[in-house]
Amino acid sequence: MTPSDLLTLIVEASVALAGFAGIVGAIGQGGNFSPLMTHELSLVNLLSTSFGALFMSLTALALLVAGVDESLTWRFSSALSLIVTLFFTLRAYRTISRVGEAQSTFRSLRKLSILSILATCGLQAWNALYLGQFWPLFVLLIALFAIACAAFTRLVFALDVPRHAEVEPPMRANDADQ
C-alpha cells in the first residue's frame, strides 16, 4: 500500500469511530452511565483521538495532492502533529487529574496511552527535524487510533444495560386453554 492509501484508510476508520462515538453518546442519553464524568472523558478522548487522526491524515493527503515534496510533506505533517498531539495530550491529562479519576480501573491503560503518545511525539520531532519519512507519522496515527478504540470499548462497556430483564414468555396456544 502507498502512503496515500494508508492515509485514506485512517481517514475512513477515524470517521467510522467518530460516528460510533455519536451512536454510543446517543444511546447513553437514555441509559445510565457510572460515573457520568468517566463517560464524558471517554467520549472526549474518543472524539479527540479520532478527529486528530482524521485531521493529520487529511493534512498530509492535501499536501501530497498539492504536489509538495514527500519529504517536506512528512516533515511538516510530523511537526504539526507534534504540536497538536502535545496540546491535546496535556489538556486531557490535566482534565483527568482535575476530575480525580485515580480510583479508575483504567488507570494503567491511561498511563500507557500517555506514555505511548509522548514516545510517538519524540518520534515526530525526530522525523520533522531529521528523517522526513512517512512511517513515523503512521506510527502516531496508529497510536491515536488504538487509543480511540480503547476509549470506544470503555464507552460500550460503561453502558448500564440490564442483563436479565424480567420478561414473561409468550403464551402458547395450548396454555390459553388451561
C-alpha atoms as a PDB file:
ATOM      1  CA  MET A   1       0.000   0.000   0.000  1.00  0.00           C
ATOM      2  CA  THR A   2       1.150   3.504  -0.710  1.00  0.00           C
ATOM      3  CA  PRO A   3       1.192   6.217   1.955  1.00  0.00           C
ATOM      4  CA  SER A   4      -1.848   7.812   0.290  1.00  0.00           C
ATOM      5  CA  ASP A   5      -3.767   4.548   0.571  1.00  0.00           C
ATOM      6  CA  LEU A   6      -2.842   4.180   4.228  1.00  0.00           C
ATOM      7  CA  LEU A   7      -3.802   7.788   4.987  1.00  0.00           C
ATOM      8  CA  THR A   8      -7.136   7.275   3.250  1.00  0.00           C
ATOM      9  CA  LEU A   9      -7.692   4.141   5.326  1.00  0.00           C
ATOM     10  CA  ILE A  10      -7.003   6.117   8.538  1.00  0.00           C
ATOM     11  CA  VAL A  11      -9.436   8.816   7.388  1.00  0.00           C
ATOM     12  CA  GLU A  12     -12.201   6.267   6.811  1.00  0.00           C
ATOM     13  CA  ALA A  13     -11.568   4.470  10.099  1.00  0.00           C
ATOM     14  CA  SER A  14     -11.471   7.770  12.028  1.00  0.00           C
ATOM     15  CA  VAL A  15     -14.787   8.873  10.581  1.00  0.00           C
ATOM     16  CA  ALA A  16     -16.276   5.488  11.469  1.00  0.00           C
ATOM     17  CA  LEU A  17     -15.049   5.735  15.067  1.00  0.00           C
ATOM     18  CA  ALA A  18     -16.391   9.267  15.400  1.00  0.00           C
ATOM     19  CA  GLY A  19     -19.726   8.018  14.068  1.00  0.00           C
ATOM     20  CA  PHE A  20     -19.754   5.170  16.573  1.00  0.00           C
ATOM     21  CA  ALA A  21     -18.998   7.710  19.297  1.00  0.00           C
ATOM     22  CA  GLY A  22     -22.114   9.594  18.256  1.00  0.00           C
ATOM     23  CA  ILE A  23     -24.174   6.433  18.423  1.00  0.00           C
ATOM     24  CA  VAL A  24     -22.830   5.491  21.853  1.00  0.00           C
ATOM     25  CA  GLY A  25     -23.369   9.067  23.023  1.00  0.00           C
ATOM     26  CA  ALA A  26     -26.965   8.988  21.824  1.00  0.00           C
ATOM     27  CA  ILE A  27     -27.599   5.626  23.457  1.00  0.00           C
ATOM     28  CA  GLY A  28     -26.018   6.951  26.631  1.00  0.00           C
ATOM     29  CA  GLN A  29     -28.511   9.805  26.786  1.00  0.00           C
ATOM     30  CA  GLY A  30     -31.257   7.291  27.530  1.00  0.00           C
ATOM     31  CA  GLY A  31     -29.165   4.847  29.538  1.00  0.00           C
ATOM     32  CA  ASN A  32     -27.285   5.074  32.781  1.00  0.00           C
ATOM     33  CA  PHE A  33     -23.539   5.607  32.957  1.00  0.00           C
ATOM     34  CA  SER A  34     -21.463   5.172  36.056  1.00  0.00           C
ATOM     35  CA  PRO A  35     -19.883   7.563  36.783  1.00  0.00           C
ATOM     36  CA  LEU A  36     -21.025  10.241  34.338  1.00  0.00           C
ATOM     37  CA  MET A  37     -17.707  12.091  34.265  1.00  0.00           C
ATOM     38  CA  THR A  38     -15.895   8.901  33.223  1.00  0.00           C
ATOM     39  CA  HIS A  39     -18.295   8.584  30.302  1.00  0.00           C
ATOM     40  CA  GLU A  40     -17.721  12.185  29.263  1.00  0.00           C
ATOM     41  CA  LEU A  41     -13.939  11.830  29.478  1.00  0.00           C
ATOM     42  CA  SER A  42     -14.010   8.645  27.409  1.00  0.00           C
ATOM     43  CA  LEU A  43     -16.235  10.304  24.828  1.00  0.00           C
ATOM     44  CA  VAL A  44     -13.957  13.353  24.617  1.00  0.00           C
ATOM     45  CA  ASN A  45     -10.926  11.067  24.395  1.00  0.00           C
ATOM     46  CA  LEU A  46     -12.522   9.048  21.606  1.00  0.00           C
ATOM     47  CA  LEU A  47     -13.532  12.111  19.647  1.00  0.00           C
ATOM     48  CA  SER A  48     -10.228  13.952  20.070  1.00  0.00           C
ATOM     49  CA  THR A  49      -8.112  10.973  19.026  1.00  0.00           C
ATOM     50  CA  SER A  50     -10.286  10.023  16.073  1.00  0.00           C
ATOM     51  CA  PHE A  51     -10.600  13.631  14.879  1.00  0.00           C
ATOM     52  CA  GLY A  52      -6.866  14.148  15.483  1.00  0.00           C
ATOM     53  CA  ALA A  53      -6.019  11.188  13.272  1.00  0.00           C
ATOM     54  CA  LEU A  54      -8.538  12.446  10.715  1.00  0.00           C
ATOM     55  CA  PHE A  55      -7.096  15.978  10.696  1.00  0.00           C
ATOM     56  CA  MET A  56      -3.484  14.814  10.452  1.00  0.00           C
ATOM     57  CA  SER A  57      -4.259  12.330   7.685  1.00  0.00           C
ATOM     58  CA  LEU A  58      -6.224  14.876   5.665  1.00  0.00           C
ATOM     59  CA  THR A  59      -3.447  17.456   6.077  1.00  0.00           C
ATOM     60  CA  ALA A  60      -0.834  15.023   4.761  1.00  0.00           C
ATOM     61  CA  LEU A  61      -3.128  13.975   1.901  1.00  0.00           C
ATOM     62  CA  ALA A  62      -3.755  17.617   0.969  1.00  0.00           C
ATOM     63  CA  LEU A  63      -0.017  18.298   0.836  1.00  0.00           C
ATOM     64  CA  LEU A  64       0.555  15.232  -1.336  1.00  0.00           C
ATOM     65  CA  VAL A  65      -2.257  16.194  -3.705  1.00  0.00           C
ATOM     66  CA  ALA A  66      -0.857  19.747  -3.908  1.00  0.00           C
ATOM     67  CA  GLY A  67       2.411  18.298  -5.195  1.00  0.00           C
ATOM     68  CA  VAL A  68       4.550  19.146  -2.175  1.00  0.00           C
ATOM     69  CA  ASP A  69       7.763  17.105  -1.983  1.00  0.00           C
ATOM     70  CA  GLU A  70       7.153  13.912   0.020  1.00  0.00           C
ATOM     71  CA  SER A  71       9.987  14.525   2.469  1.00  0.00           C
ATOM     72  CA  LEU A  72       8.690  18.037   3.165  1.00  0.00           C
ATOM     73  CA  THR A  73       5.142  16.664   3.498  1.00  0.00           C
ATOM     74  CA  TRP A  74       6.216  14.159   6.150  1.00  0.00           C
ATOM     75  CA  ARG A  75       8.344  16.738   7.982  1.00  0.00           C
ATOM     76  CA  PHE A  76       5.546  19.307   8.057  1.00  0.00           C
ATOM     77  CA  SER A  77       2.907  16.735   8.975  1.00  0.00           C
ATOM     78  CA  SER A  78       5.070  15.410  11.808  1.00  0.00           C
ATOM     79  CA  ALA A  79       5.746  18.917  13.125  1.00  0.00           C
ATOM     80  CA  LEU A  80       2.059  19.805  13.015  1.00  0.00           C
ATOM     81  CA  SER A  81       1.012  16.516  14.589  1.00  0.00           C
ATOM     82  CA  LEU A  82       3.606  17.005  17.339  1.00  0.00           C
ATOM     83  CA  ILE A  83       2.122  20.377  18.276  1.00  0.00           C
ATOM     84  CA  VAL A  84      -1.497  19.222  18.082  1.00  0.00           C
ATOM     85  CA  THR A  85      -0.871  15.953  19.914  1.00  0.00           C
ATOM     86  CA  LEU A  86       1.090  17.570  22.744  1.00  0.00           C
ATOM     87  CA  PHE A  87      -1.620  20.197  23.190  1.00  0.00           C
ATOM     88  CA  PHE A  88      -4.450  17.663  23.405  1.00  0.00           C
ATOM     89  CA  THR A  89      -2.463  15.167  25.500  1.00  0.00           C
ATOM     90  CA  LEU A  90      -1.548  17.784  28.090  1.00  0.00           C
ATOM     91  CA  ARG A  91      -5.103  19.116  28.109  1.00  0.00           C
ATOM     92  CA  ALA A  92      -6.579  15.636  28.553  1.00  0.00           C
ATOM     93  CA  TYR A  93      -4.115  14.755  31.309  1.00  0.00           C
ATOM     94  CA  ARG A  94      -4.913  17.982  33.166  1.00  0.00           C
ATOM     95  CA  THR A  95      -8.642  17.323  32.874  1.00  0.00           C
ATOM     96  CA  ILE A  96      -8.289  13.753  34.111  1.00  0.00           C
ATOM     97  CA  SER A  97      -6.120  14.890  37.025  1.00  0.00           C
ATOM     98  CA  ARG A  98      -8.613  17.604  37.964  1.00  0.00           C
ATOM     99  CA  VAL A  99     -11.532  15.184  37.897  1.00  0.00           C
ATOM    100  CA  GLY A 100      -9.619  12.819  40.163  1.00  0.00           C
ATOM    101  CA  GLU A 101     -10.150   9.559  38.356  1.00  0.00           C
ATOM    102  CA  ALA A 102      -7.331   7.905  40.316  1.00  0.00           C
ATOM    103  CA  GLN A 103      -9.601   5.091  41.504  1.00  0.00           C
ATOM    104  CA  SER A 104     -10.361   4.043  37.943  1.00  0.00           C
ATOM    105  CA  THR A 105      -9.591   0.504  36.868  1.00  0.00           C
ATOM    106  CA  PHE A 106      -8.295   2.004  33.619  1.00  0.00           C
ATOM    107  CA  ARG A 107      -5.505   3.966  35.347  1.00  0.00           C
ATOM    108  CA  SER A 108      -2.707   1.776  33.937  1.00  0.00           C
ATOM    109  CA  LEU A 109      -4.256   1.950  30.460  1.00  0.00           C
ATOM    110  CA  ARG A 110      -4.343   5.738  30.716  1.00  0.00           C
ATOM    111  CA  LYS A 111      -0.681   5.854  31.751  1.00  0.00           C
ATOM    112  CA  LEU A 112       0.250   3.522  28.908  1.00  0.00           C
ATOM    113  CA  SER A 113      -1.692   5.712  26.468  1.00  0.00           C
ATOM    114  CA  ILE A 114       0.055   8.874  27.612  1.00  0.00           C
ATOM    115  CA  LEU A 115       3.476   7.206  27.526  1.00  0.00           C
ATOM    116  CA  SER A 116       2.878   5.865  24.020  1.00  0.00           C
ATOM    117  CA  ILE A 117       1.723   9.271  22.819  1.00  0.00           C
ATOM    118  CA  LEU A 118       4.762  11.010  24.349  1.00  0.00           C
ATOM    119  CA  ALA A 119       7.073   8.407  22.779  1.00  0.00           C
ATOM    120  CA  THR A 120       5.482   8.908  19.379  1.00  0.00           C
ATOM    121  CA  CYS A 121       5.761  12.678  19.870  1.00  0.00           C
ATOM    122  CA  GLY A 122       9.514  12.212  20.293  1.00  0.00           C
ATOM    123  CA  LEU A 123       9.476  10.212  17.086  1.00  0.00           C
ATOM    124  CA  GLN A 124       7.574  13.041  15.365  1.00  0.00           C
ATOM    125  CA  ALA A 125      10.184  15.581  16.475  1.00  0.00           C
ATOM    126  CA  TRP A 126      12.937  13.334  15.106  1.00  0.00           C
ATOM    127  CA  ASN A 127      11.020  12.915  11.846  1.00  0.00           C
ATOM    128  CA  ALA A 128      10.350  16.643  11.476  1.00  0.00           C
ATOM    129  CA  LEU A 129      13.964  17.597  12.118  1.00  0.00           C
ATOM    130  CA  TYR A 130      15.992  14.802  10.540  1.00  0.00           C
ATOM    131  CA  LEU A 131      14.214  11.864   8.944  1.00  0.00           C
ATOM    132  CA  GLY A 132      11.401  13.129   6.686  1.00  0.00           C
ATOM    133  CA  GLN A 133       9.755   9.691   6.244  1.00  0.00           C
ATOM    134  CA  PHE A 134       6.152   8.517   6.263  1.00  0.00           C
ATOM    135  CA  TRP A 135       6.409   5.696   8.805  1.00  0.00           C
ATOM    136  CA  PRO A 136       6.838   7.854  11.972  1.00  0.00           C
ATOM    137  CA  LEU A 137       3.640   9.742  11.155  1.00  0.00           C
ATOM    138  CA  PHE A 138       1.897   6.450  10.516  1.00  0.00           C
ATOM    139  CA  VAL A 139       3.057   5.146  13.923  1.00  0.00           C
ATOM    140  CA  LEU A 140       1.438   8.176  15.592  1.00  0.00           C
ATOM    141  CA  LEU A 141      -1.788   7.677  13.631  1.00  0.00           C
ATOM    142  CA  ILE A 142      -1.891   4.018  14.681  1.00  0.00           C
ATOM    143  CA  ALA A 143      -1.300   5.000  18.330  1.00  0.00           C
ATOM    144  CA  LEU A 144      -4.130   7.542  18.173  1.00  0.00           C
ATOM    145  CA  PHE A 145      -6.393   5.007  16.546  1.00  0.00           C
ATOM    146  CA  ALA A 146      -5.558   2.394  19.201  1.00  0.00           C
ATOM    147  CA  ILE A 147      -6.378   4.873  21.973  1.00  0.00           C
ATOM    148  CA  ALA A 148      -9.647   5.738  20.216  1.00  0.00           C
ATOM    149  CA  CYS A 149     -10.526   2.037  20.032  1.00  0.00           C
ATOM    150  CA  ALA A 150      -9.771   1.621  23.746  1.00  0.00           C
ATOM    151  CA  ALA A 151     -11.966   4.635  24.553  1.00  0.00           C
ATOM    152  CA  PHE A 152     -14.756   3.226  22.393  1.00  0.00           C
ATOM    153  CA  THR A 153     -14.512  -0.126  24.167  1.00  0.00           C
ATOM    154  CA  ARG A 154     -14.662   1.620  27.520  1.00  0.00           C
ATOM    155  CA  LEU A 155     -17.757   3.555  26.432  1.00  0.00           C
ATOM    156  CA  VAL A 156     -19.517   0.415  25.264  1.00  0.00           C
ATOM    157  CA  PHE A 157     -18.747  -1.447  28.499  1.00  0.00           C
ATOM    158  CA  ALA A 158     -19.811   1.567  30.571  1.00  0.00           C
ATOM    159  CA  LEU A 159     -23.393   1.210  29.357  1.00  0.00           C
ATOM    160  CA  ASP A 160     -25.534   0.021  32.241  1.00  0.00           C
ATOM    161  CA  VAL A 161     -27.870  -2.325  30.383  1.00  0.00           C
ATOM    162  CA  PRO A 162     -29.909  -4.827  32.397  1.00  0.00           C
ATOM    163  CA  ARG A 163     -28.543  -8.280  31.673  1.00  0.00           C
ATOM    164  CA  HIS A 164     -31.554 -10.333  32.802  1.00  0.00           C
ATOM    165  CA  ALA A 165     -34.729  -8.446  32.111  1.00  0.00           C
ATOM    166  CA  GLU A 166     -37.909  -9.768  33.681  1.00  0.00           C
ATOM    167  CA  VAL A 167     -39.863 -10.765  30.597  1.00  0.00           C
ATOM    168  CA  GLU A 168     -42.705 -13.211  30.636  1.00  0.00           C
ATOM    169  CA  PRO A 169     -42.538 -15.890  27.975  1.00  0.00           C
ATOM    170  CA  PRO A 170     -45.160 -15.581  25.226  1.00  0.00           C
ATOM    171  CA  MET A 171     -48.324 -17.594  25.714  1.00  0.00           C
ATOM    172  CA  ARG A 172     -48.683 -20.691  23.615  1.00  0.00           C
ATOM    173  CA  ALA A 173     -51.987 -21.779  22.145  1.00  0.00           C
ATOM    174  CA  ASN A 174     -52.396 -24.751  24.494  1.00  0.00           C
ATOM    175  CA  ASP A 175     -51.589 -22.561  27.563  1.00  0.00           C
ATOM    176  CA  ALA A 176     -54.639 -20.380  26.834  1.00  0.00           C
ATOM    177  CA  ASP A 177     -56.955 -23.389  27.259  1.00  0.00           C
ATOM    178  CA  GLN A 178     -55.785 -24.125  30.802  1.00  0.00           C
END
